[in-house]
């Protein structure tokens, strides 16, 4: 079973690589490849040719996937990068901040 510590919609901090220190929101999580696409992080340029008449070509900038191990969740309450803990409340497993105990959505 492939699982990630981040989910779609989480705010994360990049902890290594060319975008180290930047924060962004997870747009897509890919558990099979252990990668995530984060808004505004790991921007790559793609050269696109016009496919049909009337279309415009050019250089398109888009986010590329980044390994999930290079990002860390940011707590919504204390705004610090944190590890995720789990608690069981009302029979449901819940993700919580290890530092302040605040539950993640």
PDB file of N, CA and C in Angstrom:
ATOM      1  N   UNK A   1       0.841  -1.184   0.000  1.00  0.00           N
ATOM      2  CA  UNK A   1       0.000   0.000   0.000  1.00  0.00           C
ATOM      3  C   UNK A   1       0.886   1.247   0.000  1.00  0.00           C
ATOM      4  N   UNK A   2       0.665   2.115  -0.974  1.00  0.00           N
ATOM      5  CA  UNK A   2       1.436   3.356  -1.075  1.00  0.00           C
ATOM      6  C   UNK A   2       0.637   4.495  -0.457  1.00  0.00           C
ATOM      7  N   UNK A   3       1.216   5.122   0.561  1.00  0.00           N
ATOM      8  CA  UNK A   3       0.560   6.276   1.172  1.00  0.00           C
ATOM      9  C   UNK A   3       1.565   7.409   1.270  1.00  0.00           C
ATOM     10  N   UNK A   4       1.048   8.610   1.325  1.00  0.00           N
ATOM     11  CA  UNK A   4       1.879   9.802   1.465  1.00  0.00           C
ATOM     12  C   UNK A   4       1.501  10.527   2.750  1.00  0.00           C
ATOM     13  N   UNK A   5       2.442  11.298   3.275  1.00  0.00           N
ATOM     14  CA  UNK A   5       2.165  12.089   4.472  1.00  0.00           C
ATOM     15  C   UNK A   5       1.491  13.413   4.138  1.00  0.00           C
ATOM     16  N   UNK A   6       1.362  13.708   2.836  1.00  0.00           N
ATOM     17  CA  UNK A   6       0.679  14.928   2.400  1.00  0.00           C
ATOM     18  C   UNK A   6      -0.530  14.556   1.549  1.00  0.00           C
ATOM     19  N   UNK A   7      -1.531  15.423   1.576  1.00  0.00           N
ATOM     20  CA  UNK A   7      -2.735  15.212   0.786  1.00  0.00           C
ATOM     21  C   UNK A   7      -3.002  16.455  -0.048  1.00  0.00           C
ATOM     22  N   UNK A   8      -3.896  16.320  -1.016  1.00  0.00           N
ATOM     23  CA  UNK A   8      -4.306  17.441  -1.849  1.00  0.00           C
ATOM     24  C   UNK A   8      -4.903  18.527  -0.956  1.00  0.00           C
ATOM     25  N   UNK A   9      -4.451  19.761  -1.134  1.00  0.00           N
ATOM     26  CA  UNK A   9      -4.968  20.887  -0.351  1.00  0.00           C
ATOM     27  C   UNK A   9      -4.093  21.264   0.830  1.00  0.00           C
ATOM     28  N   UNK A  10      -3.140  20.412   1.215  1.00  0.00           N
ATOM     29  CA  UNK A  10      -2.230  20.727   2.322  1.00  0.00           C
ATOM     30  C   UNK A  10      -1.261  21.841   1.929  1.00  0.00           C
ATOM     31  N   UNK A  11      -0.902  22.675   2.879  1.00  0.00           N
ATOM     32  CA  UNK A  11       0.146  23.672   2.670  1.00  0.00           C
ATOM     33  C   UNK A  11       1.458  23.022   3.096  1.00  0.00           C
ATOM     34  N   UNK A  12       2.459  23.099   2.219  1.00  0.00           N
ATOM     35  CA  UNK A  12       3.736  22.443   2.499  1.00  0.00           C
ATOM     36  C   UNK A  12       4.902  23.411   2.325  1.00  0.00           C
ATOM     37  N   UNK A  13       6.025  23.057   2.953  1.00  0.00           N
ATOM     38  CA  UNK A  13       7.271  23.801   2.841  1.00  0.00           C
ATOM     39  C   UNK A  13       8.281  22.882   2.178  1.00  0.00           C
ATOM     40  N   UNK A  14       8.990  23.386   1.158  1.00  0.00           N
ATOM     41  CA  UNK A  14      10.010  22.596   0.474  1.00  0.00           C
ATOM     42  C   UNK A  14      11.266  22.615   1.340  1.00  0.00           C
ATOM     43  N   UNK A  15      11.795  21.426   1.677  1.00  0.00           N
ATOM     44  CA  UNK A  15      12.941  21.346   2.587  1.00  0.00           C
ATOM     45  C   UNK A  15      14.263  21.047   1.884  1.00  0.00           C
ATOM     46  N   UNK A  16      14.237  20.746   0.586  1.00  0.00           N
ATOM     47  CA  UNK A  16      15.494  20.571  -0.152  1.00  0.00           C
ATOM     48  C   UNK A  16      15.271  20.813  -1.635  1.00  0.00           C
ATOM     49  N   UNK A  17      16.361  21.109  -2.340  1.00  0.00           N
ATOM     50  CA  UNK A  17      16.290  21.357  -3.782  1.00  0.00           C
ATOM     51  C   UNK A  17      16.366  22.831  -4.112  1.00  0.00           C
ATOM     52  N   UNK A  18      16.137  23.137  -5.389  1.00  0.00           N
ATOM     53  CA  UNK A  18      16.287  24.517  -5.862  1.00  0.00           C
ATOM     54  C   UNK A  18      15.239  25.472  -5.288  1.00  0.00           C
ATOM     55  N   UNK A  19      14.096  24.948  -4.859  1.00  0.00           N
ATOM     56  CA  UNK A  19      13.027  25.775  -4.303  1.00  0.00           C
ATOM     57  C   UNK A  19      12.960  25.694  -2.781  1.00  0.00           C
ATOM     58  N   UNK A  20      14.062  25.338  -2.138  1.00  0.00           N
ATOM     59  CA  UNK A  20      14.109  25.185  -0.679  1.00  0.00           C
ATOM     60  C   UNK A  20      13.644  26.462   0.016  1.00  0.00           C
ATOM     61  N   UNK A  21      12.752  26.296   1.006  1.00  0.00           N
ATOM     62  CA  UNK A  21      12.252  27.432   1.776  1.00  0.00           C
ATOM     63  C   UNK A  21      10.944  28.006   1.268  1.00  0.00           C
ATOM     64  N   UNK A  22      10.491  27.588   0.096  1.00  0.00           N
ATOM     65  CA  UNK A  22       9.242  28.111  -0.460  1.00  0.00           C
ATOM     66  C   UNK A  22       8.056  27.312   0.058  1.00  0.00           C
ATOM     67  N   UNK A  23       6.924  28.018   0.212  1.00  0.00           N
ATOM     68  CA  UNK A  23       5.683  27.368   0.647  1.00  0.00           C
ATOM     69  C   UNK A  23       4.718  27.326  -0.530  1.00  0.00           C
ATOM     70  N   UNK A  24       3.858  26.326  -0.527  1.00  0.00           N
ATOM     71  CA  UNK A  24       2.850  26.202  -1.571  1.00  0.00           C
ATOM     72  C   UNK A  24       1.787  25.202  -1.181  1.00  0.00           C
ATOM     73  N   UNK A  25       0.740  25.154  -1.986  1.00  0.00           N
ATOM     74  CA  UNK A  25      -0.383  24.267  -1.731  1.00  0.00           C
ATOM     75  C   UNK A  25      -0.274  23.050  -2.655  1.00  0.00           C
ATOM     76  N   UNK A  26      -0.519  21.860  -2.116  1.00  0.00           N
ATOM     77  CA  UNK A  26      -0.459  20.640  -2.913  1.00  0.00           C
ATOM     78  C   UNK A  26      -1.665  20.604  -3.845  1.00  0.00           C
ATOM     79  N   UNK A  27      -1.396  20.539  -5.162  1.00  0.00           N
ATOM     80  CA  UNK A  27      -2.472  20.489  -6.153  1.00  0.00           C
ATOM     81  C   UNK A  27      -2.827  19.048  -6.492  1.00  0.00           C
ATOM     82  N   UNK A  28      -1.799  18.196  -6.639  1.00  0.00           N
ATOM     83  CA  UNK A  28      -2.009  16.794  -6.978  1.00  0.00           C
ATOM     84  C   UNK A  28      -1.052  15.941  -6.153  1.00  0.00           C
ATOM     85  N   UNK A  29      -1.558  14.870  -5.557  1.00  0.00           N
ATOM     86  CA  UNK A  29      -0.729  13.907  -4.842  1.00  0.00           C
ATOM     87  C   UNK A  29      -0.751  12.596  -5.621  1.00  0.00           C
ATOM     88  N   UNK A  30       0.432  12.033  -5.869  1.00  0.00           N
ATOM     89  CA  UNK A  30       0.546  10.783  -6.635  1.00  0.00           C
ATOM     90  C   UNK A  30       1.216   9.712  -5.776  1.00  0.00           C
ATOM     91  N   UNK A  31       0.434   8.935  -5.019  1.00  0.00           N
ATOM     92  CA  UNK A  31       1.013   7.948  -4.113  1.00  0.00           C
ATOM     93  C   UNK A  31       1.807   6.844  -4.804  1.00  0.00           C
ATOM     94  N   UNK A  32       1.426   6.444  -6.006  1.00  0.00           N
ATOM     95  CA  UNK A  32       2.132   5.368  -6.709  1.00  0.00           C
ATOM     96  C   UNK A  32       3.575   5.739  -7.015  1.00  0.00           C
ATOM     97  N   UNK A  33       3.810   6.987  -7.406  1.00  0.00           N
ATOM     98  CA  UNK A  33       5.159   7.436  -7.743  1.00  0.00           C
ATOM     99  C   UNK A  33       5.830   8.188  -6.598  1.00  0.00           C
ATOM    100  N   UNK A  34       5.102   8.358  -5.459  1.00  0.00           N
ATOM    101  CA  UNK A  34       5.607   9.077  -4.283  1.00  0.00           C
ATOM    102  C   UNK A  34       5.961  10.535  -4.623  1.00  0.00           C
ATOM    103  N   UNK A  35       5.165  11.163  -5.485  1.00  0.00           N
ATOM    104  CA  UNK A  35       5.418  12.547  -5.894  1.00  0.00           C
ATOM    105  C   UNK A  35       4.183  13.414  -5.667  1.00  0.00           C
ATOM    106  N   UNK A  36       4.419  14.717  -5.602  1.00  0.00           N
ATOM    107  CA  UNK A  36       3.342  15.697  -5.475  1.00  0.00           C
ATOM    108  C   UNK A  36       3.616  16.863  -6.416  1.00  0.00           C
ATOM    109  N   UNK A  37       2.551  17.532  -6.827  1.00  0.00           N
ATOM    110  CA  UNK A  37       2.695  18.767  -7.608  1.00  0.00           C
ATOM    111  C   UNK A  37       2.234  19.888  -6.693  1.00  0.00           C
ATOM    112  N   UNK A  38       3.151  20.849  -6.446  1.00  0.00           N
ATOM    113  CA  UNK A  38       2.885  21.952  -5.528  1.00  0.00           C
ATOM    114  C   UNK A  38       2.794  23.243  -6.331  1.00  0.00           C
ATOM    115  N   UNK A  39       1.796  24.057  -5.987  1.00  0.00           N
ATOM    116  CA  UNK A  39       1.532  25.319  -6.671  1.00  0.00           C
ATOM    117  C   UNK A  39       2.738  26.259  -6.564  1.00  0.00           C
ATOM    118  N   UNK A  40       3.290  26.661  -7.710  1.00  0.00           N
ATOM    119  CA  UNK A  40       4.393  27.618  -7.750  1.00  0.00           C
ATOM    120  C   UNK A  40       5.768  27.040  -7.454  1.00  0.00           C
ATOM    121  N   UNK A  41       5.882  25.717  -7.328  1.00  0.00           N
ATOM    122  CA  UNK A  41       7.151  25.071  -7.005  1.00  0.00           C
ATOM    123  C   UNK A  41       7.591  24.186  -8.169  1.00  0.00           C
ATOM    124  N   UNK A  42       8.906  24.135  -8.423  1.00  0.00           N
ATOM    125  CA  UNK A  42       9.505  23.301  -9.471  1.00  0.00           C
ATOM    126  C   UNK A  42       8.930  23.637 -10.846  1.00  0.00           C
ATOM    127  N   UNK A  43       8.990  24.907 -11.206  1.00  0.00           N
ATOM    128  CA  UNK A  43       8.465  25.389 -12.483  1.00  0.00           C
ATOM    129  C   UNK A  43       9.431  24.988 -13.597  1.00  0.00           C
ATOM    130  N   UNK A  44       8.878  24.380 -14.668  1.00  0.00           N
ATOM    131  CA  UNK A  44       9.695  24.012 -15.818  1.00  0.00           C
ATOM    132  C   UNK A  44       9.105  24.657 -17.068  1.00  0.00           C
ATOM    133  N   UNK A  45       9.958  24.886 -18.053  1.00  0.00           N
ATOM    134  CA  UNK A  45       9.530  25.497 -19.306  1.00  0.00           C
ATOM    135  C   UNK A  45       9.338  24.414 -20.357  1.00  0.00           C
ATOM    136  N   UNK A  46       8.228  24.483 -21.050  1.00  0.00           N
ATOM    137  CA  UNK A  46       7.931  23.513 -22.093  1.00  0.00           C
ATOM    138  C   UNK A  46       7.720  24.280 -23.391  1.00  0.00           C
ATOM    139  N   UNK A  47       8.439  23.882 -24.441  1.00  0.00           N
ATOM    140  CA  UNK A  47       8.309  24.536 -25.739  1.00  0.00           C
ATOM    141  C   UNK A  47       7.184  23.857 -26.508  1.00  0.00           C
ATOM    142  N   UNK A  48       6.135  24.638 -26.838  1.00  0.00           N
ATOM    143  CA  UNK A  48       4.960  24.079 -27.493  1.00  0.00           C
ATOM    144  C   UNK A  48       4.806  24.659 -28.886  1.00  0.00           C
ATOM    145  N   UNK A  49       4.653  23.743 -29.841  1.00  0.00           N
ATOM    146  CA  UNK A  49       4.398  24.153 -31.217  1.00  0.00           C
ATOM    147  C   UNK A  49       2.899  24.266 -31.429  1.00  0.00           C
ATOM    148  N   UNK A  50       2.448  25.198 -32.262  1.00  0.00           N
ATOM    149  CA  UNK A  50       1.012  25.257 -32.533  1.00  0.00           C
ATOM    150  C   UNK A  50       0.577  24.001 -33.296  1.00  0.00           C
ATOM    151  N   UNK A  51      -0.416  23.292 -32.795  1.00  0.00           N
ATOM    152  CA  UNK A  51      -0.868  22.037 -33.408  1.00  0.00           C
ATOM    153  C   UNK A  51      -1.815  22.290 -34.590  1.00  0.00           C
ATOM    154  N   UNK A  52      -2.667  23.306 -34.463  1.00  0.00           N
ATOM    155  CA  UNK A  52      -3.626  23.623 -35.522  1.00  0.00           C
ATOM    156  C   UNK A  52      -3.485  25.083 -35.924  1.00  0.00           C
ATOM    157  N   UNK A  53      -4.106  25.395 -37.038  1.00  0.00           N
ATOM    158  CA  UNK A  53      -4.093  26.780 -37.492  1.00  0.00           C
ATOM    159  C   UNK A  53      -4.926  27.622 -36.521  1.00  0.00           C
ATOM    160  N   UNK A  54      -4.405  28.750 -36.133  1.00  0.00           N
ATOM    161  CA  UNK A  54      -5.109  29.613 -35.184  1.00  0.00           C
ATOM    162  C   UNK A  54      -4.588  29.454 -33.766  1.00  0.00           C
ATOM    163  N   UNK A  55      -3.950  28.332 -33.460  1.00  0.00           N
ATOM    164  CA  UNK A  55      -3.361  28.119 -32.135  1.00  0.00           C
ATOM    165  C   UNK A  55      -2.050  28.880 -32.050  1.00  0.00           C
ATOM    166  N   UNK A  56      -1.701  29.276 -30.841  1.00  0.00           N
ATOM    167  CA  UNK A  56      -0.414  29.933 -30.674  1.00  0.00           C
ATOM    168  C   UNK A  56       0.551  29.013 -29.937  1.00  0.00           C
ATOM    169  N   UNK A  57       1.779  29.046 -30.347  1.00  0.00           N
ATOM    170  CA  UNK A  57       2.818  28.257 -29.696  1.00  0.00           C
ATOM    171  C   UNK A  57       3.616  29.146 -28.764  1.00  0.00           C
ATOM    172  N   UNK A  58       4.677  28.621 -28.250  1.00  0.00           N
ATOM    173  CA  UNK A  58       5.535  29.416 -27.384  1.00  0.00           C
ATOM    174  C   UNK A  58       6.059  28.602 -26.224  1.00  0.00           C
ATOM    175  N   UNK A  59       6.609  29.292 -25.261  1.00  0.00           N
ATOM    176  CA  UNK A  59       7.165  28.644 -24.075  1.00  0.00           C
ATOM    177  C   UNK A  59       6.126  28.703 -22.968  1.00  0.00           C
ATOM    178  N   UNK A  60       5.732  27.528 -22.494  1.00  0.00           N
ATOM    179  CA  UNK A  60       4.721  27.431 -21.446  1.00  0.00           C
ATOM    180  C   UNK A  60       5.407  27.025 -20.152  1.00  0.00           C
ATOM    181  N   UNK A  61       5.136  27.756 -19.096  1.00  0.00           N
ATOM    182  CA  UNK A  61       5.705  27.427 -17.789  1.00  0.00           C
ATOM    183  C   UNK A  61       4.658  26.670 -16.984  1.00  0.00           C
ATOM    184  N   UNK A  62       5.076  25.527 -16.404  1.00  0.00           N
ATOM    185  CA  UNK A  62       4.148  24.695 -15.630  1.00  0.00           C
ATOM    186  C   UNK A  62       4.880  24.029 -14.475  1.00  0.00           C
ATOM    187  N   UNK A  63       4.118  23.655 -13.441  1.00  0.00           N
ATOM    188  CA  UNK A  63       4.689  22.958 -12.294  1.00  0.00           C
ATOM    189  C   UNK A  63       4.991  21.511 -12.663  1.00  0.00           C
ATOM    190  N   UNK A  64       6.133  21.023 -12.213  1.00  0.00           N
ATOM    191  CA  UNK A  64       6.525  19.631 -12.408  1.00  0.00           C
ATOM    192  C   UNK A  64       6.434  18.906 -11.076  1.00  0.00           C
ATOM    193  N   UNK A  65       6.298  17.566 -11.119  1.00  0.00           N
ATOM    194  CA  UNK A  65       6.234  16.818  -9.862  1.00  0.00           C
ATOM    195  C   UNK A  65       7.536  16.898  -9.070  1.00  0.00           C
ATOM    196  N   UNK A  66       7.423  16.803  -7.758  1.00  0.00           N
ATOM    197  CA  UNK A  66       8.561  16.811  -6.847  1.00  0.00           C
ATOM    198  C   UNK A  66       8.349  15.644  -5.874  1.00  0.00           C
ATOM    199  N   UNK A  67       9.423  15.017  -5.442  1.00  0.00           N
ATOM    200  CA  UNK A  67       9.289  13.901  -4.512  1.00  0.00           C
ATOM    201  C   UNK A  67       8.665  14.379  -3.201  1.00  0.00           C
ATOM    202  N   UNK A  68       7.745  13.581  -2.668  1.00  0.00           N
ATOM    203  CA  UNK A  68       7.030  13.935  -1.445  1.00  0.00           C
ATOM    204  C   UNK A  68       7.956  14.027  -0.237  1.00  0.00           C
ATOM    205  N   UNK A  69       9.096  13.320  -0.270  1.00  0.00           N
ATOM    206  CA  UNK A  69      10.023  13.363   0.860  1.00  0.00           C
ATOM    207  C   UNK A  69      10.745  14.711   0.944  1.00  0.00           C
ATOM    208  N   UNK A  70      10.627  15.544  -0.083  1.00  0.00           N
ATOM    209  CA  UNK A  70      11.275  16.851  -0.089  1.00  0.00           C
ATOM    210  C   UNK A  70      10.371  17.963   0.410  1.00  0.00           C
ATOM    211  N   UNK A  71       9.159  17.607   0.836  1.00  0.00           N
ATOM    212  CA  UNK A  71       8.236  18.605   1.378  1.00  0.00           C
ATOM    213  C   UNK A  71       7.788  18.214   2.780  1.00  0.00           C
ATOM    214  N   UNK A  72       7.425  19.224   3.561  1.00  0.00           N
ATOM    215  CA  UNK A  72       6.990  19.007   4.931  1.00  0.00           C
ATOM    216  C   UNK A  72       5.712  19.806   5.174  1.00  0.00           C
ATOM    217  N   UNK A  73       4.745  19.195   5.842  1.00  0.00           N
ATOM    218  CA  UNK A  73       3.484  19.875   6.136  1.00  0.00           C
ATOM    219  C   UNK A  73       3.706  21.101   7.014  1.00  0.00           C
ATOM    220  N   UNK A  74       2.891  22.125   6.785  1.00  0.00           N
ATOM    221  CA  UNK A  74       2.901  23.326   7.610  1.00  0.00           C
ATOM    222  C   UNK A  74       1.602  23.325   8.410  1.00  0.00           C
ATOM    223  N   UNK A  75       1.731  23.458   9.730  1.00  0.00           N
ATOM    224  CA  UNK A  75       0.573  23.448  10.623  1.00  0.00           C
ATOM    225  C   UNK A  75      -0.296  24.684  10.385  1.00  0.00           C
ATOM    226  N   UNK A  76      -1.624  24.524  10.282  1.00  0.00           N
ATOM    227  CA  UNK A  76      -2.492  25.682  10.071  1.00  0.00           C
ATOM    228  C   UNK A  76      -2.566  26.608  11.284  1.00  0.00           C
ATOM    229  N   UNK A  77      -2.307  26.090  12.489  1.00  0.00           N
ATOM    230  CA  UNK A  77      -2.406  26.900  13.698  1.00  0.00           C
ATOM    231  C   UNK A  77      -1.101  27.625  14.015  1.00  0.00           C
ATOM    232  N   UNK A  78      -0.001  26.854  14.134  1.00  0.00           N
ATOM    233  CA  UNK A  78       1.270  27.474  14.548  1.00  0.00           C
ATOM    234  C   UNK A  78       2.142  27.909  13.366  1.00  0.00           C
ATOM    235  N   UNK A  79       1.736  27.627  12.136  1.00  0.00           N
ATOM    236  CA  UNK A  79       2.427  28.029  10.907  1.00  0.00           C
ATOM    237  C   UNK A  79       3.889  27.583  10.845  1.00  0.00           C
ATOM    238  N   UNK A  80       4.197  26.462  11.480  1.00  0.00           N
ATOM    239  CA  UNK A  80       5.549  25.917  11.451  1.00  0.00           C
ATOM    240  C   UNK A  80       5.549  24.596  10.692  1.00  0.00           C
ATOM    241  N   UNK A  81       6.671  24.276  10.021  1.00  0.00           N
ATOM    242  CA  UNK A  81       6.744  22.959   9.393  1.00  0.00           C
ATOM    243  C   UNK A  81       6.751  21.893  10.487  1.00  0.00           C
ATOM    244  N   UNK A  82       5.975  20.849  10.296  1.00  0.00           N
ATOM    245  CA  UNK A  82       5.812  19.853  11.352  1.00  0.00           C
ATOM    246  C   UNK A  82       5.643  18.460  10.779  1.00  0.00           C
ATOM    247  N   UNK A  83       5.903  17.461  11.626  1.00  0.00           N
ATOM    248  CA  UNK A  83       5.614  16.090  11.261  1.00  0.00           C
ATOM    249  C   UNK A  83       4.155  15.827  11.627  1.00  0.00           C
ATOM    250  N   UNK A  84       3.597  14.792  11.026  1.00  0.00           N
ATOM    251  CA  UNK A  84       2.200  14.469  11.230  1.00  0.00           C
ATOM    252  C   UNK A  84       2.087  13.322  12.231  1.00  0.00           C
ATOM    253  N   UNK A  85       1.202  13.494  13.209  1.00  0.00           N
ATOM    254  CA  UNK A  85       0.876  12.426  14.144  1.00  0.00           C
ATOM    255  C   UNK A  85      -0.551  11.983  13.883  1.00  0.00           C
ATOM    256  N   UNK A  86      -0.946  10.871  14.462  1.00  0.00           N
ATOM    257  CA  UNK A  86      -2.308  10.369  14.270  1.00  0.00           C
ATOM    258  C   UNK A  86      -2.964  10.108  15.616  1.00  0.00           C
ATOM    259  N   UNK A  87      -4.214  10.491  15.727  1.00  0.00           N
ATOM    260  CA  UNK A  87      -5.015  10.186  16.911  1.00  0.00           C
ATOM    261  C   UNK A  87      -6.348   9.617  16.451  1.00  0.00           C
ATOM    262  N   UNK A  88      -7.016   8.912  17.336  1.00  0.00           N
ATOM    263  CA  UNK A  88      -8.326   8.369  17.005  1.00  0.00           C
ATOM    264  C   UNK A  88      -9.358   9.085  17.878  1.00  0.00           C
ATOM    265  N   UNK A  89     -10.269   9.797  17.210  1.00  0.00           N
ATOM    266  CA  UNK A  89     -11.325  10.520  17.913  1.00  0.00           C
ATOM    267  C   UNK A  89     -12.669  10.118  17.315  1.00  0.00           C
ATOM    268  N   UNK A  90     -13.546   9.643  18.151  1.00  0.00           N
ATOM    269  CA  UNK A  90     -14.885   9.253  17.694  1.00  0.00           C
ATOM    270  C   UNK A  90     -14.846   8.105  16.692  1.00  0.00           C
ATOM    271  N   UNK A  91     -13.852   7.243  16.814  1.00  0.00           N
ATOM    272  CA  UNK A  91     -13.738   6.097  15.917  1.00  0.00           C
ATOM    273  C   UNK A  91     -13.108   6.420  14.570  1.00  0.00           C
ATOM    274  N   UNK A  92     -12.646   7.666  14.389  1.00  0.00           N
ATOM    275  CA  UNK A  92     -12.009   8.058  13.133  1.00  0.00           C
ATOM    276  C   UNK A  92     -10.553   8.438  13.376  1.00  0.00           C
ATOM    277  N   UNK A  93      -9.693   8.040  12.449  1.00  0.00           N
ATOM    278  CA  UNK A  93      -8.274   8.385  12.524  1.00  0.00           C
ATOM    279  C   UNK A  93      -8.110   9.822  12.031  1.00  0.00           C
ATOM    280  N   UNK A  94      -7.366  10.618  12.782  1.00  0.00           N
ATOM    281  CA  UNK A  94      -7.214  12.036  12.455  1.00  0.00           C
ATOM    282  C   UNK A  94      -5.741  12.405  12.423  1.00  0.00           C
ATOM    283  N   UNK A  95      -5.357  13.248  11.455  1.00  0.00           N
ATOM    284  CA  UNK A  95      -3.979  13.734  11.372  1.00  0.00           C
ATOM    285  C   UNK A  95      -3.836  14.955  12.269  1.00  0.00           C
ATOM    286  N   UNK A  96      -2.767  14.989  13.098  1.00  0.00           N
ATOM    287  CA  UNK A  96      -2.555  16.114  14.005  1.00  0.00           C
ATOM    288  C   UNK A  96      -1.109  16.597  13.919  1.00  0.00           C
ATOM    289  N   UNK A  97      -0.909  17.860  14.300  1.00  0.00           N
ATOM    290  CA  UNK A  97       0.413  18.477  14.372  1.00  0.00           C
ATOM    291  C   UNK A  97       1.144  17.900  15.586  1.00  0.00           C
ATOM    292  N   UNK A  98       2.396  17.486  15.399  1.00  0.00           N
ATOM    293  CA  UNK A  98       3.177  16.915  16.505  1.00  0.00           C
ATOM    294  C   UNK A  98       3.584  17.988  17.513  1.00  0.00           C
ATOM    295  N   UNK A  99       3.633  19.270  17.086  1.00  0.00           N
ATOM    296  CA  UNK A  99       4.092  20.343  17.974  1.00  0.00           C
ATOM    297  C   UNK A  99       2.977  20.913  18.839  1.00  0.00           C
ATOM    298  N   UNK A 100       1.820  21.223  18.207  1.00  0.00           N
ATOM    299  CA  UNK A 100       0.766  21.889  18.977  1.00  0.00           C
ATOM    300  C   UNK A 100      -0.501  21.042  19.151  1.00  0.00           C
ATOM    301  N   UNK A 101      -0.608  19.930  18.427  1.00  0.00           N
ATOM    302  CA  UNK A 101      -1.771  19.057  18.558  1.00  0.00           C
ATOM    303  C   UNK A 101      -2.983  19.456  17.729  1.00  0.00           C
ATOM    304  N   UNK A 102      -2.852  20.498  16.923  1.00  0.00           N
ATOM    305  CA  UNK A 102      -3.945  20.967  16.068  1.00  0.00           C
ATOM    306  C   UNK A 102      -4.248  19.924  14.988  1.00  0.00           C
ATOM    307  N   UNK A 103      -5.517  19.652  14.750  1.00  0.00           N
ATOM    308  CA  UNK A 103      -5.925  18.674  13.732  1.00  0.00           C
ATOM    309  C   UNK A 103      -5.842  19.295  12.337  1.00  0.00           C
ATOM    310  N   UNK A 104      -5.384  18.498  11.372  1.00  0.00           N
ATOM    311  CA  UNK A 104      -5.372  18.911   9.966  1.00  0.00           C
ATOM    312  C   UNK A 104      -6.729  18.581   9.382  1.00  0.00           C
ATOM    313  N   UNK A 105      -7.122  19.267   8.333  1.00  0.00           N
ATOM    314  CA  UNK A 105      -8.427  19.022   7.689  1.00  0.00           C
ATOM    315  C   UNK A 105      -8.441  17.665   7.040  1.00  0.00           C
TER     316      UNK A 105
END
